[in-house]
PDB file of N, CA and C in Angstrom:
ATOM      1  N   MET A   1     -23.005   4.615 -18.797  1.00  0.00           N
ATOM      2  CA  MET A   1     -21.663   4.846 -19.316  1.00  0.00           C
ATOM      3  C   MET A   1     -21.761   5.571 -20.649  1.00  0.00           C
ATOM      4  N   ASN A   2     -20.746   6.283 -20.901  1.00  0.00           N
ATOM      5  CA  ASN A   2     -20.670   6.980 -22.163  1.00  0.00           C
ATOM      6  C   ASN A   2     -20.399   5.962 -23.274  1.00  0.00           C
ATOM      7  N   ILE A   3     -21.066   6.133 -24.389  1.00  0.00           N
ATOM      8  CA  ILE A   3     -20.931   5.185 -25.501  1.00  0.00           C
ATOM      9  C   ILE A   3     -19.497   5.168 -26.049  1.00  0.00           C
ATOM     10  N   ALA A   4     -18.808   6.317 -25.963  1.00  0.00           N
ATOM     11  CA  ALA A   4     -17.425   6.375 -26.444  1.00  0.00           C
ATOM     12  C   ALA A   4     -16.512   5.505 -25.578  1.00  0.00           C
ATOM     13  N   ILE A   5     -16.775   5.472 -24.285  1.00  0.00           N
ATOM     14  CA  ILE A   5     -15.971   4.643 -23.382  1.00  0.00           C
ATOM     15  C   ILE A   5     -16.180   3.168 -23.697  1.00  0.00           C
ATOM     16  N   VAL A   6     -17.426   2.795 -23.916  1.00  0.00           N
ATOM     17  CA  VAL A   6     -17.738   1.407 -24.247  1.00  0.00           C
ATOM     18  C   VAL A   6     -17.075   1.023 -25.564  1.00  0.00           C
ATOM     19  N   ARG A   7     -17.127   1.906 -26.529  1.00  0.00           N
ATOM     20  CA  ARG A   7     -16.490   1.623 -27.821  1.00  0.00           C
ATOM     21  C   ARG A   7     -14.979   1.502 -27.678  1.00  0.00           C
ATOM     22  N   ALA A   8     -14.389   2.310 -26.812  1.00  0.00           N
ATOM     23  CA  ALA A   8     -12.942   2.235 -26.596  1.00  0.00           C
ATOM     24  C   ALA A   8     -12.563   0.880 -25.992  1.00  0.00           C
ATOM     25  N   PHE A   9     -13.348   0.404 -25.030  1.00  0.00           N
ATOM     26  CA  PHE A   9     -13.061  -0.901 -24.440  1.00  0.00           C
ATOM     27  C   PHE A   9     -13.269  -2.038 -25.435  1.00  0.00           C
ATOM     28  N   ILE A  10     -14.245  -1.919 -26.287  1.00  0.00           N
ATOM     29  CA  ILE A  10     -14.459  -2.925 -27.323  1.00  0.00           C
ATOM     30  C   ILE A  10     -13.280  -2.943 -28.288  1.00  0.00           C
ATOM     31  N   ALA A  11     -12.791  -1.750 -28.653  1.00  0.00           N
ATOM     32  CA  ALA A  11     -11.636  -1.673 -29.554  1.00  0.00           C
ATOM     33  C   ALA A  11     -10.403  -2.280 -28.904  1.00  0.00           C
ATOM     34  N   LEU A  12     -10.209  -2.028 -27.618  1.00  0.00           N
ATOM     35  CA  LEU A  12      -9.076  -2.622 -26.910  1.00  0.00           C
ATOM     36  C   LEU A  12      -9.177  -4.142 -26.874  1.00  0.00           C
ATOM     37  N   ARG A  13     -10.377  -4.644 -26.650  1.00  0.00           N
ATOM     38  CA  ARG A  13     -10.565  -6.095 -26.627  1.00  0.00           C
ATOM     39  C   ARG A  13     -10.251  -6.702 -27.988  1.00  0.00           C
ATOM     40  N   GLN A  14     -10.689  -6.055 -29.076  1.00  0.00           N
ATOM     41  CA  GLN A  14     -10.417  -6.558 -30.414  1.00  0.00           C
ATOM     42  C   GLN A  14      -8.920  -6.525 -30.721  1.00  0.00           C
ATOM     43  N   ILE A  15      -8.251  -5.456 -30.290  1.00  0.00           N
ATOM     44  CA  ILE A  15      -6.799  -5.375 -30.500  1.00  0.00           C
ATOM     45  C   ILE A  15      -6.105  -6.506 -29.755  1.00  0.00           C
ATOM     46  N   ALA A  16      -6.554  -6.753 -28.533  1.00  0.00           N
ATOM     47  CA  ALA A  16      -5.937  -7.820 -27.731  1.00  0.00           C
ATOM     48  C   ALA A  16      -6.167  -9.183 -28.375  1.00  0.00           C
ATOM     49  N   LEU A  17      -7.316  -9.388 -28.985  1.00  0.00           N
ATOM     50  CA  LEU A  17      -7.591 -10.664 -29.639  1.00  0.00           C
ATOM     51  C   LEU A  17      -6.741 -10.863 -30.894  1.00  0.00           C
ATOM     52  N   TYR A  18      -6.520  -9.784 -31.623  1.00  0.00           N
ATOM     53  CA  TYR A  18      -5.774  -9.892 -32.865  1.00  0.00           C
ATOM     54  C   TYR A  18      -4.262  -9.897 -32.644  1.00  0.00           C
ATOM     55  N   HIS A  19      -3.820  -9.335 -31.571  1.00  0.00           N
ATOM     56  CA  HIS A  19      -2.385  -9.239 -31.300  1.00  0.00           C
ATOM     57  C   HIS A  19      -2.075 -10.016 -30.026  1.00  0.00           C
ATOM     58  N   LYS A  20      -1.793 -11.284 -30.187  1.00  0.00           N
ATOM     59  CA  LYS A  20      -1.530 -12.155 -29.045  1.00  0.00           C
ATOM     60  C   LYS A  20      -0.262 -11.736 -28.300  1.00  0.00           C
ATOM     61  N   ASP A  21       0.770 -11.302 -29.029  1.00  0.00           N
ATOM     62  CA  ASP A  21       2.004 -10.883 -28.366  1.00  0.00           C
ATOM     63  C   ASP A  21       1.774  -9.677 -27.465  1.00  0.00           C
ATOM     64  N   LEU A  22       0.898  -8.785 -27.902  1.00  0.00           N
ATOM     65  CA  LEU A  22       0.551  -7.623 -27.080  1.00  0.00           C
ATOM     66  C   LEU A  22      -0.181  -8.074 -25.808  1.00  0.00           C
ATOM     67  N   ALA A  23      -1.047  -9.047 -25.942  1.00  0.00           N
ATOM     68  CA  ALA A  23      -1.768  -9.571 -24.782  1.00  0.00           C
ATOM     69  C   ALA A  23      -0.804 -10.223 -23.794  1.00  0.00           C
ATOM     70  N   GLU A  24       0.191 -10.944 -24.313  1.00  0.00           N
ATOM     71  CA  GLU A  24       1.180 -11.574 -23.434  1.00  0.00           C
ATOM     72  C   GLU A  24       1.992 -10.521 -22.686  1.00  0.00           C
ATOM     73  N   LYS A  25       2.373  -9.457 -23.381  1.00  0.00           N
ATOM     74  CA  LYS A  25       3.126  -8.388 -22.742  1.00  0.00           C
ATOM     75  C   LYS A  25       2.280  -7.694 -21.666  1.00  0.00           C
ATOM     76  N   LEU A  26       1.013  -7.511 -21.956  1.00  0.00           N
ATOM     77  CA  LEU A  26       0.123  -6.910 -20.962  1.00  0.00           C
ATOM     78  C   LEU A  26      -0.002  -7.795 -19.728  1.00  0.00           C
ATOM     79  N   ASP A  27      -0.079  -9.096 -19.933  1.00  0.00           N
ATOM     80  CA  ASP A  27      -0.135 -10.017 -18.800  1.00  0.00           C
ATOM     81  C   ASP A  27       1.154  -9.955 -17.971  1.00  0.00           C
ATOM     82  N   GLN A  28       2.295  -9.871 -18.653  1.00  0.00           N
ATOM     83  CA  GLN A  28       3.561  -9.758 -17.945  1.00  0.00           C
ATOM     84  C   GLN A  28       3.605  -8.469 -17.123  1.00  0.00           C
ATOM     85  N   LEU A  29       3.154  -7.372 -17.726  1.00  0.00           N
ATOM     86  CA  LEU A  29       3.132  -6.102 -17.015  1.00  0.00           C
ATOM     87  C   LEU A  29       2.198  -6.162 -15.804  1.00  0.00           C
ATOM     88  N   LYS A  30       1.066  -6.829 -15.994  1.00  0.00           N
ATOM     89  CA  LYS A  30       0.107  -6.939 -14.901  1.00  0.00           C
ATOM     90  C   LYS A  30       0.701  -7.717 -13.730  1.00  0.00           C
ATOM     91  N   THR A  31       1.354  -8.826 -14.019  1.00  0.00           N
ATOM     92  CA  THR A  31       1.954  -9.611 -12.933  1.00  0.00           C
ATOM     93  C   THR A  31       3.099  -8.848 -12.276  1.00  0.00           C
ATOM     94  N   GLU A  32       3.870  -8.109 -13.075  1.00  0.00           N
ATOM     95  CA  GLU A  32       4.964  -7.312 -12.512  1.00  0.00           C
ATOM     96  C   GLU A  32       4.424  -6.214 -11.599  1.00  0.00           C
ATOM     97  N   ILE A  33       3.346  -5.586 -12.006  1.00  0.00           N
ATOM     98  CA  ILE A  33       2.745  -4.536 -11.182  1.00  0.00           C
ATOM     99  C   ILE A  33       2.201  -5.124  -9.892  1.00  0.00           C
ATOM    100  N   TYR A  34       1.551  -6.272  -9.971  1.00  0.00           N
ATOM    101  CA  TYR A  34       1.034  -6.910  -8.758  1.00  0.00           C
ATOM    102  C   TYR A  34       2.162  -7.291  -7.809  1.00  0.00           C
ATOM    103  N   ASP A  35       3.267  -7.770  -8.351  1.00  0.00           N
ATOM    104  CA  ASP A  35       4.418  -8.114  -7.517  1.00  0.00           C
ATOM    105  C   ASP A  35       4.970  -6.879  -6.817  1.00  0.00           C
ATOM    106  N   ARG A  36       5.085  -5.789  -7.567  1.00  0.00           N
ATOM    107  CA  ARG A  36       5.583  -4.546  -6.974  1.00  0.00           C
ATOM    108  C   ARG A  36       4.626  -4.026  -5.909  1.00  0.00           C
ATOM    109  N   LEU A  37       3.332  -4.099  -6.181  1.00  0.00           N
ATOM    110  CA  LEU A  37       2.361  -3.631  -5.205  1.00  0.00           C
ATOM    111  C   LEU A  37       2.424  -4.451  -3.926  1.00  0.00           C
ATOM    112  N   ASN A  38       2.586  -5.762  -4.058  1.00  0.00           N
ATOM    113  CA  ASN A  38       2.701  -6.609  -2.874  1.00  0.00           C
ATOM    114  C   ASN A  38       3.956  -6.253  -2.080  1.00  0.00           C
ATOM    115  N   LEU A  39       5.048  -5.997  -2.776  1.00  0.00           N
ATOM    116  CA  LEU A  39       6.284  -5.611  -2.107  1.00  0.00           C
ATOM    117  C   LEU A  39       6.095  -4.278  -1.389  1.00  0.00           C
ATOM    118  N   HIS A  40       5.465  -3.321  -2.059  1.00  0.00           N
ATOM    119  CA  HIS A  40       5.241  -2.018  -1.449  1.00  0.00           C
ATOM    120  C   HIS A  40       4.290  -2.131  -0.261  1.00  0.00           C
ATOM    121  N   ASP A  41       3.293  -2.984  -0.363  1.00  0.00           N
ATOM    122  CA  ASP A  41       2.363  -3.168   0.754  1.00  0.00           C
ATOM    123  C   ASP A  41       3.086  -3.700   1.981  1.00  0.00           C
ATOM    124  N   THR A  42       3.959  -4.669   1.782  1.00  0.00           N
ATOM    125  CA  THR A  42       4.687  -5.216   2.930  1.00  0.00           C
ATOM    126  C   THR A  42       5.633  -4.183   3.517  1.00  0.00           C
ATOM    127  N   GLN A  43       6.270  -3.380   2.654  1.00  0.00           N
ATOM    128  CA  GLN A  43       7.162  -2.334   3.146  1.00  0.00           C
ATOM    129  C   GLN A  43       6.389  -1.272   3.914  1.00  0.00           C
ATOM    130  N   LEU A  44       5.231  -0.875   3.397  1.00  0.00           N
ATOM    131  CA  LEU A  44       4.417   0.130   4.084  1.00  0.00           C
ATOM    132  C   LEU A  44       3.907  -0.406   5.413  1.00  0.00           C
ATOM    133  N   ASN A  45       3.520  -1.675   5.460  1.00  0.00           N
ATOM    134  CA  ASN A  45       3.076  -2.261   6.723  1.00  0.00           C
ATOM    135  C   ASN A  45       4.198  -2.250   7.750  1.00  0.00           C
ATOM    136  N   ALA A  46       5.412  -2.532   7.324  1.00  0.00           N
ATOM    137  CA  ALA A  46       6.551  -2.496   8.244  1.00  0.00           C
ATOM    138  C   ALA A  46       6.787  -1.083   8.761  1.00  0.00           C
ATOM    139  N   ILE A  47       6.636  -0.098   7.891  1.00  0.00           N
ATOM    140  CA  ILE A  47       6.815   1.294   8.303  1.00  0.00           C
ATOM    141  C   ILE A  47       5.738   1.692   9.304  1.00  0.00           C
ATOM    142  N   TYR A  48       4.489   1.335   9.027  1.00  0.00           N
ATOM    143  CA  TYR A  48       3.394   1.673   9.939  1.00  0.00           C
ATOM    144  C   TYR A  48       3.583   1.008  11.299  1.00  0.00           C
ATOM    145  N   GLU A  49       4.022  -0.227  11.302  1.00  0.00           N
ATOM    146  CA  GLU A  49       4.253  -0.916  12.575  1.00  0.00           C
ATOM    147  C   GLU A  49       5.378  -0.256  13.362  1.00  0.00           C
ATOM    148  N   ALA A  50       6.443   0.162  12.668  1.00  0.00           N
ATOM    149  CA  ALA A  50       7.550   0.837  13.351  1.00  0.00           C
ATOM    150  C   ALA A  50       7.080   2.163  13.952  1.00  0.00           C
ATOM    151  N   ILE A  51       6.268   2.901  13.215  1.00  0.00           N
ATOM    152  CA  ILE A  51       5.741   4.174  13.726  1.00  0.00           C
ATOM    153  C   ILE A  51       4.850   3.932  14.935  1.00  0.00           C
ATOM    154  N   GLU A  52       4.001   2.920  14.860  1.00  0.00           N
ATOM    155  CA  GLU A  52       3.135   2.606  15.999  1.00  0.00           C
ATOM    156  C   GLU A  52       3.956   2.209  17.222  1.00  0.00           C
ATOM    157  N   ASN A  53       5.023   1.444  17.026  1.00  0.00           N
ATOM    158  CA  ASN A  53       5.891   1.065  18.144  1.00  0.00           C
ATOM    159  C   ASN A  53       6.548   2.289  18.766  1.00  0.00           C
ATOM    160  N   LEU A  54       7.002   3.217  17.928  1.00  0.00           N
ATOM    161  CA  LEU A  54       7.609   4.440  18.448  1.00  0.00           C
ATOM    162  C   LEU A  54       6.601   5.259  19.240  1.00  0.00           C
ATOM    163  N   LEU A  55       5.375   5.361  18.724  1.00  0.00           N
ATOM    164  CA  LEU A  55       4.347   6.116  19.424  1.00  0.00           C
ATOM    165  C   LEU A  55       3.990   5.459  20.753  1.00  0.00           C
ATOM    166  N   ASP A  56       3.941   4.132  20.774  1.00  0.00           N
ATOM    167  CA  ASP A  56       3.661   3.422  22.022  1.00  0.00           C
ATOM    168  C   ASP A  56       4.770   3.648  23.037  1.00  0.00           C
ATOM    169  N   ASP A  57       6.022   3.608  22.587  1.00  0.00           N
ATOM    170  CA  ASP A  57       7.150   3.846  23.484  1.00  0.00           C
ATOM    171  C   ASP A  57       7.096   5.256  24.064  1.00  0.00           C
ATOM    172  N   GLN A  58       6.724   6.229  23.232  1.00  0.00           N
ATOM    173  CA  GLN A  58       6.625   7.605  23.713  1.00  0.00           C
ATOM    174  C   GLN A  58       5.492   7.749  24.721  1.00  0.00           C
ATOM    175  N   ALA A  59       4.391   7.043  24.520  1.00  0.00           N
ATOM    176  CA  ALA A  59       3.276   7.109  25.455  1.00  0.00           C
ATOM    177  C   ALA A  59       3.675   6.513  26.800  1.00  0.00           C
ATOM    178  N   VAL A  60       4.413   5.419  26.792  1.00  0.00           N
ATOM    179  CA  VAL A  60       4.873   4.803  28.046  1.00  0.00           C
ATOM    180  C   VAL A  60       5.835   5.738  28.765  1.00  0.00           C
ATOM    181  N   LYS A  61       6.738   6.348  28.021  1.00  0.00           N
ATOM    182  CA  LYS A  61       7.706   7.265  28.613  1.00  0.00           C
ATOM    183  C   LYS A  61       6.992   8.476  29.222  1.00  0.00           C
ATOM    184  N   LYS A  62       5.997   8.990  28.511  1.00  0.00           N
ATOM    185  CA  LYS A  62       5.256  10.142  28.998  1.00  0.00           C
ATOM    186  C   LYS A  62       4.494   9.782  30.278  1.00  0.00           C
ATOM    187  N   SER A  63       3.873   8.618  30.317  1.00  0.00           N
ATOM    188  CA  SER A  63       3.141   8.214  31.506  1.00  0.00           C
ATOM    189  C   SER A  63       4.104   8.016  32.680  1.00  0.00           C
ATOM    190  N   TRP A  64       5.334   7.580  32.440  1.00  0.00           N
ATOM    191  CA  TRP A  64       6.329   7.409  33.497  1.00  0.00           C
ATOM    192  C   TRP A  64       6.709   8.769  34.089  1.00  0.00           C
ATOM    193  N   GLU A  65       6.833   9.779  33.235  1.00  0.00           N
ATOM    194  CA  GLU A  65       7.204  11.110  33.705  1.00  0.00           C
ATOM    195  C   GLU A  65       6.066  11.780  34.474  1.00  0.00           C
ATOM    196  N   GLU A  66       4.837  11.429  34.195  1.00  0.00           N
ATOM    197  CA  GLU A  66       3.675  12.056  34.833  1.00  0.00           C
ATOM    198  C   GLU A  66       3.153  11.270  36.033  1.00  0.00           C
ATOM    199  N   ARG A  67       3.896  10.298  36.509  1.00  0.00           N
ATOM    200  CA  ARG A  67       3.434   9.469  37.626  1.00  0.00           C
ATOM    201  C   ARG A  67       3.454  10.277  38.921  1.00  0.00           C
ATOM    202  N   ASN A  68       2.722   9.826  39.922  1.00  0.00           N
ATOM    203  CA  ASN A  68       2.727  10.451  41.233  1.00  0.00           C
ATOM    204  C   ASN A  68       4.006  10.077  41.950  1.00  0.00           C
ATOM    205  N   ARG A  69       4.720  11.062  42.416  1.00  0.00           N
ATOM    206  CA  ARG A  69       5.978  10.843  43.105  1.00  0.00           C
ATOM    207  C   ARG A  69       5.731  10.422  44.553  1.00  0.00           C
ATOM    208  N   ILE A  70       6.576   9.546  45.032  1.00  0.00           N
ATOM    209  CA  ILE A  70       6.503   9.099  46.410  1.00  0.00           C
ATOM    210  C   ILE A  70       7.763   9.588  47.127  1.00  0.00           C
ATOM    211  N   GLY A  71       7.620  10.087  48.341  1.00  0.00           N
ATOM    212  CA  GLY A  71       8.796  10.488  49.101  1.00  0.00           C
ATOM    213  C   GLY A  71       9.024  11.973  49.054  1.00  0.00           C
ATOM    214  N   TYR A  72      10.288  12.362  49.064  1.00  0.00           N
ATOM    215  CA  TYR A  72      10.667  13.762  49.149  1.00  0.00           C
ATOM    216  C   TYR A  72      10.246  14.496  47.877  1.00  0.00           C
ATOM    217  N   LYS A  73       9.559  15.643  48.068  1.00  0.00           N
ATOM    218  CA  LYS A  73       9.143  16.476  46.936  1.00  0.00           C
ATOM    219  C   LYS A  73       9.737  17.865  47.110  1.00  0.00           C
ATOM    220  N   LYS A  74      10.186  18.429  46.075  1.00  0.00           N
ATOM    221  CA  LYS A  74      10.762  19.780  46.131  1.00  0.00           C
ATOM    222  C   LYS A  74       9.693  20.826  46.098  1.00  0.00           C
TER     223      LYS A  74
END
């Protein structure tokens, strides 16, 4: 790792130790972001499932149209 990156993280840790209110706000933001991500994950899963259902329905419909006909053929 670059020494500047390590120093930046050390400085952030020291700021967090000295400023408790800032640390509390960061924790609140972190929990809010996790809540939003969980909500978005569930919404995306619902969208993916709906798309998969539509694709499955189209595959069934296509297979029905391509079946071998019985009886009178034109």
